[in-house]
């Protein structure tokens, strides 16, 4: 059974930081590109940042560039998203995602994701 379990969400004031983590089990972690998507109330789910299955390639949406950093740790079957300089527009449910043998730009195609986590709430207050 494949499981993606997010942790690290919470509430923070504008300008603050959070680190999201995703622990993966039930699949061969090194064969999967990993990523983070988010969905705000009334909006479609969108890619935030993704990393290729080999780890050499990363993708960031424009709003994430310079503020967020994605990393993967194959030894521990985990990947993280460090989020700095958060603002209220970053408030959303953040989802961990996996896609087999994908490039980092799978961030552009939420419908093509193979597996999802259950999501973790991030709330940024002004």
N, C-alpha and C. Protein backbone atom coordinates (compact mmCIF):
# COMPACT_ATOMS: atom_id res chain seq x y z
N UNK A 1 0.84 -1.19 0.00
CA UNK A 1 0.00 0.00 0.00
C UNK A 1 0.89 1.25 0.00
N UNK A 2 0.66 2.11 -0.96
CA UNK A 2 1.44 3.33 -1.06
C UNK A 2 0.88 4.38 -0.10
N UNK A 3 1.77 5.01 0.64
CA UNK A 3 1.37 6.08 1.56
C UNK A 3 2.32 7.25 1.43
N UNK A 4 1.76 8.45 1.34
CA UNK A 4 2.51 9.69 1.38
C UNK A 4 1.93 10.48 2.54
N UNK A 5 2.75 10.77 3.53
CA UNK A 5 2.29 11.41 4.75
C UNK A 5 3.03 12.74 4.94
N UNK A 6 2.26 13.82 4.90
CA UNK A 6 2.84 15.15 5.09
C UNK A 6 2.89 15.52 6.56
N UNK A 7 3.85 16.37 6.88
CA UNK A 7 3.94 16.95 8.22
C UNK A 7 4.58 18.33 8.10
N UNK A 8 4.41 19.13 9.14
CA UNK A 8 5.08 20.43 9.19
C UNK A 8 4.20 21.62 8.88
N UNK A 9 2.96 21.40 8.51
CA UNK A 9 2.08 22.53 8.28
C UNK A 9 1.73 23.23 9.58
N UNK A 10 1.05 24.35 9.47
CA UNK A 10 0.66 25.09 10.66
C UNK A 10 0.35 26.53 10.34
N UNK A 11 0.32 27.35 11.38
CA UNK A 11 0.01 28.77 11.24
C UNK A 11 1.26 29.59 11.52
N UNK A 12 1.43 30.63 10.73
CA UNK A 12 2.61 31.48 10.87
C UNK A 12 2.23 32.89 10.44
N UNK A 13 2.93 33.86 10.95
CA UNK A 13 2.70 35.24 10.54
C UNK A 13 3.46 35.53 9.23
N UNK A 14 2.98 36.53 8.52
CA UNK A 14 3.64 36.94 7.28
C UNK A 14 5.11 37.22 7.53
N UNK A 15 5.94 36.72 6.61
CA UNK A 15 7.37 36.86 6.75
C UNK A 15 8.04 35.68 7.42
N UNK A 16 7.22 34.79 7.99
CA UNK A 16 7.75 33.64 8.68
C UNK A 16 8.09 32.48 7.75
N UNK A 17 8.51 31.37 8.35
CA UNK A 17 8.95 30.19 7.60
C UNK A 17 8.27 28.93 8.12
N UNK A 18 8.14 27.97 7.24
CA UNK A 18 7.69 26.63 7.59
C UNK A 18 8.45 25.63 6.74
N UNK A 19 8.63 24.44 7.28
CA UNK A 19 9.26 23.36 6.54
C UNK A 19 8.29 22.18 6.48
N UNK A 20 7.86 21.83 5.29
CA UNK A 20 6.98 20.68 5.10
C UNK A 20 7.83 19.46 4.78
N UNK A 21 7.40 18.32 5.30
CA UNK A 21 8.07 17.06 5.01
C UNK A 21 7.05 16.04 4.53
N UNK A 22 7.51 15.14 3.68
CA UNK A 22 6.66 14.07 3.18
C UNK A 22 7.42 12.76 3.33
N UNK A 23 6.83 11.83 4.06
CA UNK A 23 7.40 10.50 4.24
C UNK A 23 6.64 9.52 3.37
N UNK A 24 7.39 8.76 2.55
CA UNK A 24 6.77 7.90 1.54
C UNK A 24 7.07 6.44 1.85
N UNK A 25 6.07 5.60 1.67
CA UNK A 25 6.26 4.16 1.83
C UNK A 25 5.43 3.43 0.79
N UNK A 26 5.81 2.17 0.55
CA UNK A 26 5.03 1.34 -0.37
C UNK A 26 5.41 1.44 -1.83
N UNK A 27 6.46 2.19 -2.14
CA UNK A 27 6.93 2.28 -3.51
C UNK A 27 8.45 2.43 -3.51
N UNK A 28 9.05 2.27 -4.68
CA UNK A 28 10.50 2.43 -4.80
C UNK A 28 10.78 3.92 -4.95
N UNK A 29 11.12 4.55 -3.86
CA UNK A 29 11.20 6.02 -3.78
C UNK A 29 12.09 6.60 -4.88
N UNK A 30 13.23 5.96 -5.12
CA UNK A 30 14.18 6.50 -6.09
C UNK A 30 13.67 6.50 -7.52
N UNK A 31 12.57 5.80 -7.80
CA UNK A 31 12.01 5.75 -9.15
C UNK A 31 10.93 6.81 -9.39
N UNK A 32 10.68 7.63 -8.40
CA UNK A 32 9.58 8.58 -8.48
C UNK A 32 10.06 10.02 -8.36
N UNK A 33 9.55 10.86 -9.25
CA UNK A 33 9.65 12.29 -9.05
C UNK A 33 8.72 12.66 -7.91
N UNK A 34 9.10 13.65 -7.12
CA UNK A 34 8.31 14.05 -5.97
C UNK A 34 7.99 15.54 -6.07
N UNK A 35 6.88 15.92 -5.49
CA UNK A 35 6.52 17.32 -5.60
C UNK A 35 5.54 17.77 -4.55
N UNK A 36 5.32 19.08 -4.56
CA UNK A 36 4.35 19.72 -3.68
C UNK A 36 3.37 20.53 -4.52
N UNK A 37 2.11 20.33 -4.23
CA UNK A 37 1.03 21.08 -4.85
C UNK A 37 0.25 21.76 -3.73
N UNK A 38 -0.56 22.73 -4.11
CA UNK A 38 -1.39 23.38 -3.09
C UNK A 38 -2.74 23.72 -3.68
N UNK A 39 -3.71 23.86 -2.77
CA UNK A 39 -5.06 24.23 -3.19
C UNK A 39 -5.65 25.16 -2.15
N UNK A 40 -5.97 26.36 -2.58
CA UNK A 40 -6.62 27.35 -1.73
C UNK A 40 -8.13 27.25 -1.92
N UNK A 41 -8.92 27.72 -0.95
CA UNK A 41 -10.38 27.65 -1.08
C UNK A 41 -10.88 28.31 -2.36
N UNK A 42 -11.69 27.60 -3.12
CA UNK A 42 -12.26 28.15 -4.33
C UNK A 42 -11.33 28.18 -5.52
N UNK A 43 -10.14 27.62 -5.37
CA UNK A 43 -9.16 27.63 -6.46
C UNK A 43 -8.78 26.21 -6.85
N UNK A 44 -8.22 26.07 -8.04
CA UNK A 44 -7.77 24.77 -8.51
C UNK A 44 -6.44 24.41 -7.84
N UNK A 45 -6.18 23.11 -7.78
CA UNK A 45 -4.90 22.65 -7.26
C UNK A 45 -3.79 23.03 -8.24
N UNK A 46 -2.68 23.54 -7.70
CA UNK A 46 -1.58 23.97 -8.55
C UNK A 46 -0.25 23.46 -8.03
N UNK A 47 0.67 23.24 -8.95
CA UNK A 47 1.99 22.82 -8.56
C UNK A 47 2.75 23.95 -7.90
N UNK A 48 3.57 23.62 -6.93
CA UNK A 48 4.39 24.60 -6.22
C UNK A 48 5.86 24.38 -6.57
N UNK A 49 6.33 23.17 -6.30
CA UNK A 49 7.72 22.82 -6.58
C UNK A 49 7.84 21.32 -6.71
N UNK A 50 8.66 20.87 -7.65
CA UNK A 50 8.85 19.45 -7.87
C UNK A 50 10.31 19.13 -8.13
N UNK A 51 10.68 17.87 -7.90
CA UNK A 51 12.05 17.42 -8.13
C UNK A 51 12.00 16.10 -8.89
N UNK A 52 12.85 15.96 -9.88
CA UNK A 52 12.83 14.79 -10.75
C UNK A 52 13.19 13.52 -10.00
N UNK A 53 12.91 12.39 -10.63
CA UNK A 53 13.14 11.11 -9.97
C UNK A 53 14.63 10.90 -9.69
N UNK A 54 15.49 11.45 -10.51
CA UNK A 54 16.93 11.33 -10.29
C UNK A 54 17.48 12.40 -9.36
N UNK A 55 16.68 13.42 -9.09
CA UNK A 55 17.10 14.46 -8.17
C UNK A 55 17.90 15.58 -8.77
N UNK A 56 18.23 15.49 -10.05
CA UNK A 56 19.10 16.50 -10.66
C UNK A 56 18.33 17.72 -11.14
N UNK A 57 17.04 17.59 -11.27
CA UNK A 57 16.23 18.63 -11.88
C UNK A 57 15.14 19.08 -10.92
N UNK A 58 15.00 20.39 -10.78
CA UNK A 58 13.94 20.93 -9.93
C UNK A 58 13.11 21.92 -10.73
N UNK A 59 11.89 22.13 -10.26
CA UNK A 59 10.98 23.08 -10.89
C UNK A 59 10.31 23.89 -9.80
N UNK A 60 10.20 25.17 -10.03
CA UNK A 60 9.51 26.07 -9.10
C UNK A 60 8.56 26.95 -9.89
N UNK A 61 7.35 27.05 -9.38
CA UNK A 61 6.44 28.05 -9.94
C UNK A 61 7.00 29.43 -9.62
N UNK A 62 6.59 30.40 -10.43
CA UNK A 62 7.15 31.74 -10.27
C UNK A 62 6.99 32.27 -8.85
N UNK A 63 5.84 32.01 -8.23
CA UNK A 63 5.61 32.56 -6.88
C UNK A 63 6.50 31.89 -5.84
N UNK A 64 7.09 30.74 -6.18
CA UNK A 64 7.94 30.01 -5.23
C UNK A 64 9.43 30.32 -5.41
N UNK A 65 9.78 30.83 -6.55
CA UNK A 65 11.20 31.07 -6.83
C UNK A 65 11.79 32.08 -5.86
N UNK A 66 12.95 31.73 -5.32
CA UNK A 66 13.63 32.60 -4.38
C UNK A 66 13.14 32.51 -2.95
N UNK A 67 12.00 31.85 -2.74
CA UNK A 67 11.45 31.74 -1.38
C UNK A 67 11.39 30.30 -0.89
N UNK A 68 11.11 29.37 -1.79
CA UNK A 68 10.93 27.96 -1.43
C UNK A 68 12.09 27.13 -1.96
N UNK A 69 12.43 26.07 -1.23
CA UNK A 69 13.48 25.14 -1.66
C UNK A 69 13.00 23.71 -1.44
N UNK A 70 13.07 22.92 -2.51
CA UNK A 70 12.68 21.51 -2.41
C UNK A 70 13.92 20.64 -2.32
N UNK A 71 13.83 19.55 -1.58
CA UNK A 71 14.94 18.61 -1.49
C UNK A 71 14.38 17.21 -1.29
N UNK A 72 15.18 16.21 -1.66
CA UNK A 72 14.77 14.83 -1.45
C UNK A 72 15.91 14.05 -0.78
N UNK A 73 15.51 13.04 -0.01
CA UNK A 73 16.47 12.27 0.76
C UNK A 73 16.15 10.80 0.53
N UNK A 74 16.78 10.24 -0.48
CA UNK A 74 16.42 8.88 -0.89
C UNK A 74 16.67 7.85 0.20
N UNK A 75 17.68 8.09 1.04
CA UNK A 75 17.99 7.12 2.09
C UNK A 75 16.84 6.98 3.08
N UNK A 76 16.11 8.08 3.29
CA UNK A 76 15.03 8.05 4.26
C UNK A 76 13.64 8.06 3.67
N UNK A 77 13.57 8.00 2.33
CA UNK A 77 12.28 8.04 1.64
C UNK A 77 11.46 9.28 2.03
N UNK A 78 12.15 10.41 2.10
CA UNK A 78 11.45 11.64 2.44
C UNK A 78 11.82 12.76 1.46
N UNK A 79 10.98 13.74 1.38
CA UNK A 79 11.34 14.97 0.70
C UNK A 79 10.71 16.14 1.42
N UNK A 80 11.34 17.29 1.29
CA UNK A 80 10.97 18.46 2.08
C UNK A 80 10.72 19.67 1.19
N UNK A 81 9.99 20.61 1.74
CA UNK A 81 9.82 21.91 1.12
C UNK A 81 10.06 22.97 2.18
N UNK A 82 11.15 23.68 2.07
CA UNK A 82 11.43 24.79 2.96
C UNK A 82 10.79 26.04 2.39
N UNK A 83 9.93 26.67 3.16
CA UNK A 83 9.20 27.85 2.70
C UNK A 83 9.57 29.05 3.57
N UNK A 84 10.14 30.06 2.96
CA UNK A 84 10.53 31.28 3.65
C UNK A 84 9.73 32.48 3.12
N UNK A 85 9.77 33.54 3.87
CA UNK A 85 9.09 34.78 3.47
C UNK A 85 7.64 34.52 3.07
N UNK A 86 6.94 33.80 3.89
CA UNK A 86 5.56 33.44 3.58
C UNK A 86 4.66 34.68 3.64
N UNK A 87 3.65 34.67 2.80
CA UNK A 87 2.66 35.75 2.80
C UNK A 87 1.26 35.14 2.80
N UNK A 88 0.24 35.95 3.09
CA UNK A 88 -1.12 35.39 3.20
C UNK A 88 -1.58 34.67 1.94
N UNK A 89 -1.06 35.03 0.77
CA UNK A 89 -1.45 34.36 -0.47
C UNK A 89 -0.94 32.91 -0.53
N UNK A 90 -0.04 32.56 0.36
CA UNK A 90 0.45 31.18 0.42
C UNK A 90 -0.47 30.27 1.24
N UNK A 91 -1.50 30.82 1.84
CA UNK A 91 -2.44 30.03 2.63
C UNK A 91 -3.16 29.03 1.74
N UNK A 92 -3.06 27.75 2.09
CA UNK A 92 -3.66 26.68 1.28
C UNK A 92 -3.42 25.35 1.98
N UNK A 93 -4.05 24.32 1.43
CA UNK A 93 -3.69 22.96 1.81
C UNK A 93 -2.57 22.52 0.86
N UNK A 94 -1.49 22.03 1.43
CA UNK A 94 -0.33 21.60 0.65
C UNK A 94 -0.31 20.07 0.59
N UNK A 95 -0.15 19.57 -0.63
CA UNK A 95 -0.18 18.13 -0.87
C UNK A 95 1.16 17.63 -1.40
N UNK A 96 1.59 16.52 -0.85
CA UNK A 96 2.74 15.81 -1.37
C UNK A 96 2.28 14.94 -2.54
N UNK A 97 3.13 14.80 -3.57
CA UNK A 97 2.73 14.05 -4.75
C UNK A 97 3.92 13.27 -5.30
N UNK A 98 3.58 12.18 -6.01
CA UNK A 98 4.62 11.33 -6.60
C UNK A 98 4.20 10.91 -8.00
N UNK A 99 5.19 10.89 -8.92
CA UNK A 99 4.93 10.41 -10.28
C UNK A 99 6.15 9.62 -10.74
N UNK A 100 5.89 8.42 -11.24
CA UNK A 100 6.96 7.48 -11.58
C UNK A 100 7.78 7.95 -12.79
N UNK A 101 9.07 7.95 -12.61
CA UNK A 101 10.05 8.26 -13.66
C UNK A 101 9.74 9.58 -14.38
N UNK A 102 9.36 10.57 -13.62
CA UNK A 102 8.97 11.84 -14.23
C UNK A 102 10.07 12.89 -14.09
N UNK A 103 10.00 13.88 -14.98
CA UNK A 103 10.83 15.07 -14.84
C UNK A 103 10.17 16.01 -13.84
N UNK A 104 10.92 17.03 -13.45
CA UNK A 104 10.42 17.94 -12.43
C UNK A 104 9.21 18.73 -12.92
N UNK A 105 9.05 18.89 -14.23
CA UNK A 105 7.94 19.69 -14.71
C UNK A 105 6.60 18.98 -14.64
N UNK A 106 6.55 17.82 -13.99
CA UNK A 106 5.24 17.22 -13.75
C UNK A 106 4.41 18.10 -12.82
N UNK A 107 5.07 19.10 -12.26
CA UNK A 107 4.38 20.12 -11.47
C UNK A 107 3.28 20.83 -12.26
N UNK A 108 3.41 20.85 -13.57
CA UNK A 108 2.45 21.54 -14.41
C UNK A 108 1.19 20.72 -14.69
N UNK A 109 1.17 19.48 -14.24
CA UNK A 109 0.07 18.57 -14.59
C UNK A 109 -0.45 17.81 -13.38
N UNK A 110 -1.24 18.47 -12.55
CA UNK A 110 -1.78 17.78 -11.37
C UNK A 110 -2.57 16.52 -11.72
N UNK A 111 -3.19 16.49 -12.88
CA UNK A 111 -4.01 15.33 -13.24
C UNK A 111 -3.16 14.11 -13.57
N UNK A 112 -1.85 14.31 -13.76
CA UNK A 112 -0.98 13.19 -14.13
C UNK A 112 -0.26 12.57 -12.94
N UNK A 113 -0.53 13.08 -11.75
CA UNK A 113 0.13 12.55 -10.55
C UNK A 113 -0.33 11.12 -10.28
N UNK A 114 0.63 10.28 -9.88
CA UNK A 114 0.30 8.88 -9.58
C UNK A 114 -0.27 8.71 -8.16
N UNK A 115 0.35 9.40 -7.19
CA UNK A 115 -0.06 9.24 -5.79
C UNK A 115 -0.06 10.59 -5.09
N UNK A 116 -1.04 10.74 -4.18
CA UNK A 116 -1.19 11.96 -3.39
C UNK A 116 -1.12 11.66 -1.90
N UNK A 117 -0.63 12.64 -1.14
CA UNK A 117 -0.80 12.61 0.29
C UNK A 117 -2.15 13.17 0.66
N UNK A 118 -2.42 13.20 1.96
CA UNK A 118 -3.74 13.65 2.43
C UNK A 118 -3.81 15.16 2.58
N UNK A 119 -2.66 15.82 2.56
CA UNK A 119 -2.61 17.27 2.65
C UNK A 119 -2.34 17.77 4.05
N UNK A 120 -1.72 18.95 4.12
CA UNK A 120 -1.47 19.61 5.39
C UNK A 120 -1.77 21.10 5.23
N UNK A 121 -2.44 21.67 6.21
CA UNK A 121 -2.88 23.06 6.13
C UNK A 121 -1.73 24.01 6.46
N UNK A 122 -1.56 25.02 5.61
CA UNK A 122 -0.65 26.12 5.88
C UNK A 122 -1.47 27.40 5.91
N UNK A 123 -1.39 28.13 7.01
CA UNK A 123 -2.14 29.38 7.17
C UNK A 123 -1.16 30.49 7.52
N UNK A 124 -1.17 31.55 6.71
CA UNK A 124 -0.29 32.68 6.92
C UNK A 124 -1.15 33.90 7.21
N UNK A 125 -0.93 34.49 8.35
CA UNK A 125 -1.72 35.66 8.75
C UNK A 125 -0.90 36.94 8.54
N UNK A 126 -1.64 38.02 8.27
CA UNK A 126 -0.97 39.30 8.01
C UNK A 126 -0.73 40.08 9.28
